[in-house]
Amino acid sequence: MGQNAGIMSATVFIPGPLREYCDGASRLPTAAGSVRAVLEELGRNRPSLYRNVCDETGAVRRHINIFVNDTHMRDRDGLDTKLVPGDEVIILPSVSGGR
């Protein structure tokens, strides 16, 4: 375990369509200090969820948006966006509709 093991830094919000990949959990606690570290943690602990969020190169899939609290990570420091205790990392698949 890492240096921050046991210290909850943030919470990862999992939307309904992705909950089947994490035993139905809507929120996952994390001790990760950045968005990148959250994704690495998902890769280790929730590989099926990770594969739905990131592609085989490790990049966030085009149809997935990641927010820290109410700000899209791309409007901050991208994957290097730092997290502080109490932050919520929100994973949102794009929603599109048709006729």
PDB file of N, CA and C in Angstrom:
ATOM      1  N   MET A   1       0.827  -1.173   0.000  1.00  0.00           N
ATOM      2  CA  MET A   1       0.000   0.000   0.000  1.00  0.00           C
ATOM      3  C   MET A   1       0.877   1.243   0.000  1.00  0.00           C
ATOM      4  N   GLY A   2       0.309   2.314  -0.521  1.00  0.00           N
ATOM      5  CA  GLY A   2       1.063   3.541  -0.664  1.00  0.00           C
ATOM      6  C   GLY A   2       1.205   4.302   0.634  1.00  0.00           C
ATOM      7  N   GLN A   3       1.898   5.403   0.545  1.00  0.00           N
ATOM      8  CA  GLN A   3       2.166   6.262   1.674  1.00  0.00           C
ATOM      9  C   GLN A   3       0.883   6.775   2.319  1.00  0.00           C
ATOM     10  N   ASN A   4      -0.166   6.968   1.520  1.00  0.00           N
ATOM     11  CA  ASN A   4      -1.425   7.500   2.030  1.00  0.00           C
ATOM     12  C   ASN A   4      -2.434   6.423   2.387  1.00  0.00           C
ATOM     13  N   ALA A   5      -1.998   5.173   2.480  1.00  0.00           N
ATOM     14  CA  ALA A   5      -2.922   4.072   2.742  1.00  0.00           C
ATOM     15  C   ALA A   5      -3.718   4.345   4.010  1.00  0.00           C
ATOM     16  N   GLY A   6      -5.012   4.148   3.908  1.00  0.00           N
ATOM     17  CA  GLY A   6      -5.880   4.313   5.045  1.00  0.00           C
ATOM     18  C   GLY A   6      -6.412   5.727   5.223  1.00  0.00           C
ATOM     19  N   ILE A   7      -5.876   6.676   4.485  1.00  0.00           N
ATOM     20  CA  ILE A   7      -6.339   8.059   4.575  1.00  0.00           C
ATOM     21  C   ILE A   7      -7.243   8.329   3.392  1.00  0.00           C
ATOM     22  N   MET A   8      -8.515   8.610   3.663  1.00  0.00           N
ATOM     23  CA  MET A   8      -9.417   8.891   2.556  1.00  0.00           C
ATOM     24  C   MET A   8      -9.211  10.322   2.097  1.00  0.00           C
ATOM     25  N   SER A   9      -8.803  10.460   0.862  1.00  0.00           N
ATOM     26  CA  SER A   9      -8.574  11.780   0.301  1.00  0.00           C
ATOM     27  C   SER A   9      -9.809  12.276  -0.420  1.00  0.00           C
ATOM     28  N   ALA A  10     -10.432  11.406  -1.160  1.00  0.00           N
ATOM     29  CA  ALA A  10     -11.539  11.811  -2.013  1.00  0.00           C
ATOM     30  C   ALA A  10     -12.497  10.645  -2.176  1.00  0.00           C
ATOM     31  N   THR A  11     -13.579  10.909  -2.865  1.00  0.00           N
ATOM     32  CA  THR A  11     -14.567   9.887  -3.187  1.00  0.00           C
ATOM     33  C   THR A  11     -14.756   9.875  -4.696  1.00  0.00           C
ATOM     34  N   VAL A  12     -14.847   8.697  -5.272  1.00  0.00           N
ATOM     35  CA  VAL A  12     -15.112   8.560  -6.700  1.00  0.00           C
ATOM     36  C   VAL A  12     -16.588   8.220  -6.859  1.00  0.00           C
ATOM     37  N   PHE A  13     -17.329   9.069  -7.581  1.00  0.00           N
ATOM     38  CA  PHE A  13     -18.743   8.819  -7.856  1.00  0.00           C
ATOM     39  C   PHE A  13     -18.845   7.985  -9.117  1.00  0.00           C
ATOM     40  N   ILE A  14     -19.569   6.870  -9.016  1.00  0.00           N
ATOM     41  CA  ILE A  14     -19.760   5.951 -10.138  1.00  0.00           C
ATOM     42  C   ILE A  14     -21.211   6.063 -10.606  1.00  0.00           C
ATOM     43  N   PRO A  15     -21.447   6.467 -11.860  1.00  0.00           N
ATOM     44  CA  PRO A  15     -22.823   6.578 -12.354  1.00  0.00           C
ATOM     45  C   PRO A  15     -23.449   5.204 -12.568  1.00  0.00           C
ATOM     46  N   GLY A  16     -24.767   5.181 -12.589  1.00  0.00           N
ATOM     47  CA  GLY A  16     -25.516   3.939 -12.730  1.00  0.00           C
ATOM     48  C   GLY A  16     -25.025   2.981 -13.802  1.00  0.00           C
ATOM     49  N   PRO A  17     -24.780   3.458 -15.035  1.00  0.00           N
ATOM     50  CA  PRO A  17     -24.373   2.529 -16.093  1.00  0.00           C
ATOM     51  C   PRO A  17     -23.038   1.819 -15.837  1.00  0.00           C
ATOM     52  N   LEU A  18     -22.204   2.345 -14.945  1.00  0.00           N
ATOM     53  CA  LEU A  18     -20.902   1.724 -14.687  1.00  0.00           C
ATOM     54  C   LEU A  18     -20.850   0.950 -13.374  1.00  0.00           C
ATOM     55  N   ARG A  19     -21.920   0.986 -12.604  1.00  0.00           N
ATOM     56  CA  ARG A  19     -21.907   0.346 -11.280  1.00  0.00           C
ATOM     57  C   ARG A  19     -21.801  -1.168 -11.352  1.00  0.00           C
ATOM     58  N   GLU A  20     -22.222  -1.751 -12.457  1.00  0.00           N
ATOM     59  CA  GLU A  20     -22.116  -3.213 -12.579  1.00  0.00           C
ATOM     60  C   GLU A  20     -20.655  -3.665 -12.560  1.00  0.00           C
ATOM     61  N   TYR A  21     -19.723  -2.744 -12.817  1.00  0.00           N
ATOM     62  CA  TYR A  21     -18.293  -3.074 -12.835  1.00  0.00           C
ATOM     63  C   TYR A  21     -17.612  -2.860 -11.489  1.00  0.00           C
ATOM     64  N   CYS A  22     -18.397  -2.463 -10.484  1.00  0.00           N
ATOM     65  CA  CYS A  22     -17.819  -2.285  -9.143  1.00  0.00           C
ATOM     66  C   CYS A  22     -18.808  -2.760  -8.081  1.00  0.00           C
ATOM     67  N   ASP A  23     -19.434  -3.895  -8.339  1.00  0.00           N
ATOM     68  CA  ASP A  23     -20.337  -4.537  -7.388  1.00  0.00           C
ATOM     69  C   ASP A  23     -21.486  -3.635  -6.939  1.00  0.00           C
ATOM     70  N   GLY A  24     -21.938  -2.751  -7.839  1.00  0.00           N
ATOM     71  CA  GLY A  24     -23.086  -1.912  -7.556  1.00  0.00           C
ATOM     72  C   GLY A  24     -22.796  -0.660  -6.739  1.00  0.00           C
ATOM     73  N   ALA A  25     -21.539  -0.436  -6.399  1.00  0.00           N
ATOM     74  CA  ALA A  25     -21.190   0.727  -5.572  1.00  0.00           C
ATOM     75  C   ALA A  25     -21.434   2.029  -6.338  1.00  0.00           C
ATOM     76  N   SER A  26     -21.994   3.012  -5.647  1.00  0.00           N
ATOM     77  CA  SER A  26     -22.182   4.324  -6.261  1.00  0.00           C
ATOM     78  C   SER A  26     -21.028   5.262  -5.924  1.00  0.00           C
ATOM     79  N   ARG A  27     -20.295   4.939  -4.866  1.00  0.00           N
ATOM     80  CA  ARG A  27     -19.147   5.751  -4.453  1.00  0.00           C
ATOM     81  C   ARG A  27     -18.036   4.820  -3.976  1.00  0.00           C
ATOM     82  N   LEU A  28     -16.822   5.186  -4.334  1.00  0.00           N
ATOM     83  CA  LEU A  28     -15.657   4.424  -3.901  1.00  0.00           C
ATOM     84  C   LEU A  28     -14.700   5.383  -3.200  1.00  0.00           C
ATOM     85  N   PRO A  29     -14.270   5.056  -1.990  1.00  0.00           N
ATOM     86  CA  PRO A  29     -13.291   5.907  -1.321  1.00  0.00           C
ATOM     87  C   PRO A  29     -11.924   5.722  -1.974  1.00  0.00           C
ATOM     88  N   THR A  30     -11.122   6.770  -1.959  1.00  0.00           N
ATOM     89  CA  THR A  30      -9.785   6.684  -2.521  1.00  0.00           C
ATOM     90  C   THR A  30      -8.817   7.518  -1.700  1.00  0.00           C
ATOM     91  N   ALA A  31      -7.590   7.047  -1.618  1.00  0.00           N
ATOM     92  CA  ALA A  31      -6.522   7.807  -0.963  1.00  0.00           C
ATOM     93  C   ALA A  31      -5.627   8.448  -2.016  1.00  0.00           C
ATOM     94  N   ALA A  32      -6.048   8.389  -3.281  1.00  0.00           N
ATOM     95  CA  ALA A  32      -5.243   8.928  -4.382  1.00  0.00           C
ATOM     96  C   ALA A  32      -5.140  10.445  -4.280  1.00  0.00           C
ATOM     97  N   GLY A  33      -3.993  10.978  -4.706  1.00  0.00           N
ATOM     98  CA  GLY A  33      -3.754  12.406  -4.620  1.00  0.00           C
ATOM     99  C   GLY A  33      -3.962  13.170  -5.905  1.00  0.00           C
ATOM    100  N   SER A  34      -4.326  12.454  -6.992  1.00  0.00           N
ATOM    101  CA  SER A  34      -4.571  13.117  -8.276  1.00  0.00           C
ATOM    102  C   SER A  34      -5.549  12.269  -9.082  1.00  0.00           C
ATOM    103  N   VAL A  35      -6.081  12.858 -10.134  1.00  0.00           N
ATOM    104  CA  VAL A  35      -6.991  12.108 -11.012  1.00  0.00           C
ATOM    105  C   VAL A  35      -6.245  10.916 -11.617  1.00  0.00           C
ATOM    106  N   ARG A  36      -5.012  11.125 -12.050  1.00  0.00           N
ATOM    107  CA  ARG A  36      -4.219  10.030 -12.625  1.00  0.00           C
ATOM    108  C   ARG A  36      -4.085   8.883 -11.620  1.00  0.00           C
ATOM    109  N   ALA A  37      -3.802   9.213 -10.367  1.00  0.00           N
ATOM    110  CA  ALA A  37      -3.655   8.190  -9.332  1.00  0.00           C
ATOM    111  C   ALA A  37      -4.972   7.457  -9.080  1.00  0.00           C
ATOM    112  N   VAL A  38      -6.099   8.166  -9.183  1.00  0.00           N
ATOM    113  CA  VAL A  38      -7.415   7.515  -9.051  1.00  0.00           C
ATOM    114  C   VAL A  38      -7.563   6.462 -10.145  1.00  0.00           C
ATOM    115  N   LEU A  39      -7.237   6.826 -11.379  1.00  0.00           N
ATOM    116  CA  LEU A  39      -7.372   5.880 -12.490  1.00  0.00           C
ATOM    117  C   LEU A  39      -6.419   4.698 -12.330  1.00  0.00           C
ATOM    118  N   GLU A  40      -5.208   4.956 -11.853  1.00  0.00           N
ATOM    119  CA  GLU A  40      -4.268   3.854 -11.603  1.00  0.00           C
ATOM    120  C   GLU A  40      -4.803   2.921 -10.533  1.00  0.00           C
ATOM    121  N   GLU A  41      -5.406   3.501  -9.503  1.00  0.00           N
ATOM    122  CA  GLU A  41      -6.013   2.703  -8.437  1.00  0.00           C
ATOM    123  C   GLU A  41      -7.162   1.855  -8.985  1.00  0.00           C
ATOM    124  N   LEU A  42      -7.998   2.445  -9.843  1.00  0.00           N
ATOM    125  CA  LEU A  42      -9.079   1.675 -10.470  1.00  0.00           C
ATOM    126  C   LEU A  42      -8.506   0.538 -11.305  1.00  0.00           C
ATOM    127  N   GLY A  43      -7.417   0.798 -12.005  1.00  0.00           N
ATOM    128  CA  GLY A  43      -6.782  -0.245 -12.813  1.00  0.00           C
ATOM    129  C   GLY A  43      -6.338  -1.435 -11.976  1.00  0.00           C
ATOM    130  N   ARG A  44      -5.847  -1.150 -10.776  1.00  0.00           N
ATOM    131  CA  ARG A  44      -5.393  -2.234  -9.880  1.00  0.00           C
ATOM    132  C   ARG A  44      -6.559  -2.926  -9.185  1.00  0.00           C
ATOM    133  N   ASN A  45      -7.522  -2.139  -8.694  1.00  0.00           N
ATOM    134  CA  ASN A  45      -8.562  -2.680  -7.814  1.00  0.00           C
ATOM    135  C   ASN A  45      -9.892  -2.992  -8.500  1.00  0.00           C
ATOM    136  N   ARG A  46     -10.165  -2.323  -9.608  1.00  0.00           N
ATOM    137  CA  ARG A  46     -11.435  -2.488 -10.321  1.00  0.00           C
ATOM    138  C   ARG A  46     -11.156  -2.530 -11.821  1.00  0.00           C
ATOM    139  N   PRO A  47     -10.432  -3.564 -12.297  1.00  0.00           N
ATOM    140  CA  PRO A  47      -9.993  -3.582 -13.700  1.00  0.00           C
ATOM    141  C   PRO A  47     -11.127  -3.520 -14.720  1.00  0.00           C
ATOM    142  N   SER A  48     -12.274  -4.114 -14.441  1.00  0.00           N
ATOM    143  CA  SER A  48     -13.359  -4.056 -15.429  1.00  0.00           C
ATOM    144  C   SER A  48     -13.935  -2.637 -15.505  1.00  0.00           C
ATOM    145  N   LEU A  49     -14.006  -1.939 -14.385  1.00  0.00           N
ATOM    146  CA  LEU A  49     -14.434  -0.538 -14.396  1.00  0.00           C
ATOM    147  C   LEU A  49     -13.401   0.300 -15.145  1.00  0.00           C
ATOM    148  N   TYR A  50     -12.126   0.088 -14.844  1.00  0.00           N
ATOM    149  CA  TYR A  50     -11.047   0.835 -15.504  1.00  0.00           C
ATOM    150  C   TYR A  50     -11.131   0.697 -17.025  1.00  0.00           C
ATOM    151  N   ARG A  51     -11.363  -0.525 -17.514  1.00  0.00           N
ATOM    152  CA  ARG A  51     -11.434  -0.757 -18.968  1.00  0.00           C
ATOM    153  C   ARG A  51     -12.605  -0.016 -19.611  1.00  0.00           C
ATOM    154  N   ASN A  52     -13.615   0.313 -18.829  1.00  0.00           N
ATOM    155  CA  ASN A  52     -14.744   1.077 -19.355  1.00  0.00           C
ATOM    156  C   ASN A  52     -14.502   2.580 -19.292  1.00  0.00           C
ATOM    157  N   VAL A  53     -13.515   2.997 -18.530  1.00  0.00           N
ATOM    158  CA  VAL A  53     -13.181   4.417 -18.390  1.00  0.00           C
ATOM    159  C   VAL A  53     -11.983   4.782 -19.267  1.00  0.00           C
ATOM    160  N   CYS A  54     -10.992   3.903 -19.329  1.00  0.00           N
ATOM    161  CA  CYS A  54      -9.762   4.167 -20.079  1.00  0.00           C
ATOM    162  C   CYS A  54      -9.583   3.139 -21.190  1.00  0.00           C
ATOM    163  N   ASP A  55      -8.922   3.573 -22.271  1.00  0.00           N
ATOM    164  CA  ASP A  55      -8.653   2.643 -23.369  1.00  0.00           C
ATOM    165  C   ASP A  55      -7.364   1.866 -23.106  1.00  0.00           C
ATOM    166  N   GLU A  56      -6.961   1.049 -24.075  1.00  0.00           N
ATOM    167  CA  GLU A  56      -5.795   0.191 -23.900  1.00  0.00           C
ATOM    168  C   GLU A  56      -4.483   0.969 -23.765  1.00  0.00           C
ATOM    169  N   THR A  57      -4.470   2.250 -24.134  1.00  0.00           N
ATOM    170  CA  THR A  57      -3.266   3.076 -23.972  1.00  0.00           C
ATOM    171  C   THR A  57      -3.246   3.788 -22.626  1.00  0.00           C
ATOM    172  N   GLY A  58      -4.334   3.688 -21.863  1.00  0.00           N
ATOM    173  CA  GLY A  58      -4.424   4.357 -20.577  1.00  0.00           C
ATOM    174  C   GLY A  58      -5.083   5.722 -20.660  1.00  0.00           C
ATOM    175  N   ALA A  59      -5.457   6.139 -21.858  1.00  0.00           N
ATOM    176  CA  ALA A  59      -6.136   7.431 -22.030  1.00  0.00           C
ATOM    177  C   ALA A  59      -7.616   7.285 -21.668  1.00  0.00           C
ATOM    178  N   VAL A  60      -8.184   8.351 -21.115  1.00  0.00           N
ATOM    179  CA  VAL A  60      -9.617   8.354 -20.809  1.00  0.00           C
ATOM    180  C   VAL A  60     -10.376   8.262 -22.132  1.00  0.00           C
ATOM    181  N   ARG A  61     -11.334   7.358 -22.188  1.00  0.00           N
ATOM    182  CA  ARG A  61     -12.113   7.169 -23.419  1.00  0.00           C
ATOM    183  C   ARG A  61     -12.820   8.462 -23.802  1.00  0.00           C
ATOM    184  N   ARG A  62     -12.992   8.673 -25.104  1.00  0.00           N
ATOM    185  CA  ARG A  62     -13.586   9.916 -25.615  1.00  0.00           C
ATOM    186  C   ARG A  62     -14.969  10.196 -25.063  1.00  0.00           C
ATOM    187  N   HIS A  63     -15.747   9.153 -24.818  1.00  0.00           N
ATOM    188  CA  HIS A  63     -17.118   9.361 -24.354  1.00  0.00           C
ATOM    189  C   HIS A  63     -17.237   9.464 -22.831  1.00  0.00           C
ATOM    190  N   ILE A  64     -16.092   9.505 -22.135  1.00  0.00           N
ATOM    191  CA  ILE A  64     -16.094   9.606 -20.677  1.00  0.00           C
ATOM    192  C   ILE A  64     -15.615  11.001 -20.279  1.00  0.00           C
ATOM    193  N   ASN A  65     -16.333  11.626 -19.373  1.00  0.00           N
ATOM    194  CA  ASN A  65     -15.939  12.917 -18.809  1.00  0.00           C
ATOM    195  C   ASN A  65     -15.617  12.703 -17.343  1.00  0.00           C
ATOM    196  N   ILE A  66     -14.549  13.338 -16.883  1.00  0.00           N
ATOM    197  CA  ILE A  66     -14.181  13.242 -15.475  1.00  0.00           C
ATOM    198  C   ILE A  66     -14.154  14.642 -14.886  1.00  0.00           C
ATOM    199  N   PHE A  67     -14.916  14.804 -13.816  1.00  0.00           N
ATOM    200  CA  PHE A  67     -15.000  16.069 -13.110  1.00  0.00           C
ATOM    201  C   PHE A  67     -14.382  15.923 -11.730  1.00  0.00           C
ATOM    202  N   VAL A  68     -13.800  16.981 -11.230  1.00  0.00           N
ATOM    203  CA  VAL A  68     -13.414  17.062  -9.827  1.00  0.00           C
ATOM    204  C   VAL A  68     -14.326  18.124  -9.239  1.00  0.00           C
ATOM    205  N   ASN A  69     -15.205  17.661  -8.366  1.00  0.00           N
ATOM    206  CA  ASN A  69     -16.288  18.495  -7.847  1.00  0.00           C
ATOM    207  C   ASN A  69     -17.117  18.969  -9.037  1.00  0.00           C
ATOM    208  N   ASP A  70     -17.187  20.253  -9.334  1.00  0.00           N
ATOM    209  CA  ASP A  70     -18.029  20.701 -10.444  1.00  0.00           C
ATOM    210  C   ASP A  70     -17.230  21.199 -11.645  1.00  0.00           C
ATOM    211  N   THR A  71     -15.921  20.887 -11.690  1.00  0.00           N
ATOM    212  CA  THR A  71     -15.079  21.362 -12.784  1.00  0.00           C
ATOM    213  C   THR A  71     -14.496  20.197 -13.566  1.00  0.00           C
ATOM    214  N   HIS A  72     -14.650  20.224 -14.885  1.00  0.00           N
ATOM    215  CA  HIS A  72     -14.083  19.177 -15.734  1.00  0.00           C
ATOM    216  C   HIS A  72     -12.570  19.184 -15.574  1.00  0.00           C
ATOM    217  N   MET A  73     -11.968  18.003 -15.508  1.00  0.00           N
ATOM    218  CA  MET A  73     -10.515  17.925 -15.289  1.00  0.00           C
ATOM    219  C   MET A  73      -9.741  18.654 -16.387  1.00  0.00           C
ATOM    220  N   ARG A  74     -10.281  18.720 -17.613  1.00  0.00           N
ATOM    221  CA  ARG A  74      -9.556  19.391 -18.701  1.00  0.00           C
ATOM    222  C   ARG A  74      -9.467  20.898 -18.470  1.00  0.00           C
ATOM    223  N   ASP A  75     -10.370  21.436 -17.630  1.00  0.00           N
ATOM    224  CA  ASP A  75     -10.339  22.854 -17.298  1.00  0.00           C
ATOM    225  C   ASP A  75      -9.449  23.137 -16.093  1.00  0.00           C
ATOM    226  N   ARG A  76      -8.828  22.087 -15.586  1.00  0.00           N
ATOM    227  CA  ARG A  76      -7.876  22.235 -14.475  1.00  0.00           C
ATOM    228  C   ARG A  76      -6.522  21.755 -14.982  1.00  0.00           C
ATOM    229  N   ASP A  77      -5.963  20.727 -14.373  1.00  0.00           N
ATOM    230  CA  ASP A  77      -4.652  20.213 -14.797  1.00  0.00           C
ATOM    231  C   ASP A  77      -4.757  18.834 -15.435  1.00  0.00           C
ATOM    232  N   GLY A  78      -5.913  18.524 -16.034  1.00  0.00           N
ATOM    233  CA  GLY A  78      -6.084  17.230 -16.690  1.00  0.00           C
ATOM    234  C   GLY A  78      -5.896  16.092 -15.699  1.00  0.00           C
ATOM    235  N   LEU A  79      -5.200  15.050 -16.136  1.00  0.00           N
ATOM    236  CA  LEU A  79      -4.968  13.893 -15.269  1.00  0.00           C
ATOM    237  C   LEU A  79      -4.124  14.244 -14.053  1.00  0.00           C
ATOM    238  N   ASP A  80      -3.388  15.336 -14.142  1.00  0.00           N
ATOM    239  CA  ASP A  80      -2.536  15.747 -13.022  1.00  0.00           C
ATOM    240  C   ASP A  80      -3.263  16.648 -12.020  1.00  0.00           C
ATOM    241  N   THR A  81      -4.577  16.807 -12.185  1.00  0.00           N
ATOM    242  CA  THR A  81      -5.360  17.595 -11.230  1.00  0.00           C
ATOM    243  C   THR A  81      -5.204  16.983  -9.844  1.00  0.00           C
ATOM    244  N   LYS A  82      -4.753  17.787  -8.921  1.00  0.00           N
ATOM    245  CA  LYS A  82      -4.546  17.342  -7.538  1.00  0.00           C
ATOM    246  C   LYS A  82      -5.879  17.251  -6.810  1.00  0.00           C
ATOM    247  N   LEU A  83      -5.931  16.318  -5.873  1.00  0.00           N
ATOM    248  CA  LEU A  83      -7.117  16.130  -5.045  1.00  0.00           C
ATOM    249  C   LEU A  83      -6.795  16.483  -3.611  1.00  0.00           C
ATOM    250  N   VAL A  84      -7.774  17.029  -2.924  1.00  0.00           N
ATOM    251  CA  VAL A  84      -7.643  17.306  -1.500  1.00  0.00           C
ATOM    252  C   VAL A  84      -8.763  16.570  -0.765  1.00  0.00           C
ATOM    253  N   PRO A  85      -8.585  16.331   0.529  1.00  0.00           N
ATOM    254  CA  PRO A  85      -9.633  15.627   1.273  1.00  0.00           C
ATOM    255  C   PRO A  85     -10.988  16.287   1.061  1.00  0.00           C
ATOM    256  N   GLY A  86     -11.980  15.445   0.790  1.00  0.00           N
ATOM    257  CA  GLY A  86     -13.337  15.922   0.572  1.00  0.00           C
ATOM    258  C   GLY A  86     -13.712  16.111  -0.881  1.00  0.00           C
ATOM    259  N   ASP A  87     -12.721  16.089  -1.789  1.00  0.00           N
ATOM    260  CA  ASP A  87     -13.038  16.210  -3.214  1.00  0.00           C
ATOM    261  C   ASP A  87     -13.849  15.016  -3.683  1.00  0.00           C
ATOM    262  N   GLU A  88     -14.662  15.244  -4.707  1.00  0.00           N
ATOM    263  CA  GLU A  88     -15.390  14.162  -5.348  1.00  0.00           C
ATOM    264  C   GLU A  88     -14.967  14.104  -6.806  1.00  0.00           C
ATOM    265  N   VAL A  89     -14.514  12.932  -7.223  1.00  0.00           N
ATOM    266  CA  VAL A  89     -14.164  12.681  -8.612  1.00  0.00           C
ATOM    267  C   VAL A  89     -15.377  12.004  -9.234  1.00  0.00           C
ATOM    268  N   ILE A  90     -15.913  12.632 -10.261  1.00  0.00           N
ATOM    269  CA  ILE A  90     -17.155  12.157 -10.867  1.00  0.00           C
ATOM    270  C   ILE A  90     -16.851  11.640 -12.266  1.00  0.00           C
ATOM    271  N   ILE A  91     -17.174  10.391 -12.514  1.00  0.00           N
ATOM    272  CA  ILE A  91     -16.993   9.777 -13.827  1.00  0.00           C
ATOM    273  C   ILE A  91     -18.338   9.778 -14.524  1.00  0.00           C
ATOM    274  N   LEU A  92     -18.421  10.481 -15.661  1.00  0.00           N
ATOM    275  CA  LEU A  92     -19.693  10.588 -16.367  1.00  0.00           C
ATOM    276  C   LEU A  92     -19.542  10.181 -17.833  1.00  0.00           C
ATOM    277  N   PRO A  93     -20.225   9.128 -18.243  1.00  0.00           N
ATOM    278  CA  PRO A  93     -20.257   8.807 -19.659  1.00  0.00           C
ATOM    279  C   PRO A  93     -21.107   9.848 -20.384  1.00  0.00           C
ATOM    280  N   SER A  94     -20.728  10.181 -21.599  1.00  0.00           N
ATOM    281  CA  SER A  94     -21.535  11.091 -22.398  1.00  0.00           C
ATOM    282  C   SER A  94     -22.867  10.437 -22.687  1.00  0.00           C
ATOM    283  N   VAL A  95     -23.889  11.255 -22.755  1.00  0.00           N
ATOM    284  CA  VAL A  95     -25.221  10.761 -23.063  1.00  0.00           C
ATOM    285  C   VAL A  95     -25.633  11.375 -24.391  1.00  0.00           C
ATOM    286  N   SER A  96     -26.047  10.528 -25.291  1.00  0.00           N
ATOM    287  CA  SER A  96     -26.550  11.034 -26.571  1.00  0.00           C
ATOM    288  C   SER A  96     -27.863  10.357 -26.874  1.00  0.00           C
ATOM    289  N   GLY A  97     -28.642  11.003 -27.653  1.00  0.00           N
ATOM    290  CA  GLY A  97     -29.946  10.440 -27.970  1.00  0.00           C
ATOM    291  C   GLY A  97     -30.231  10.544 -29.455  1.00  0.00           C
ATOM    292  N   GLY A  98     -31.240   9.918 -29.836  1.00  0.00           N
ATOM    293  CA  GLY A  98     -31.671   9.952 -31.236  1.00  0.00           C
ATOM    294  C   GLY A  98     -33.163  10.153 -31.291  1.00  0.00           C
ATOM    295  N   ARG A  99     -33.666   9.926 -32.435  1.00  0.00           N
ATOM    296  CA  ARG A  99     -35.114  10.087 -32.606  1.00  0.00           C
ATOM    297  C   ARG A  99     -35.874   8.865 -32.216  1.00  0.00           C
TER     298      ARG A  99
END
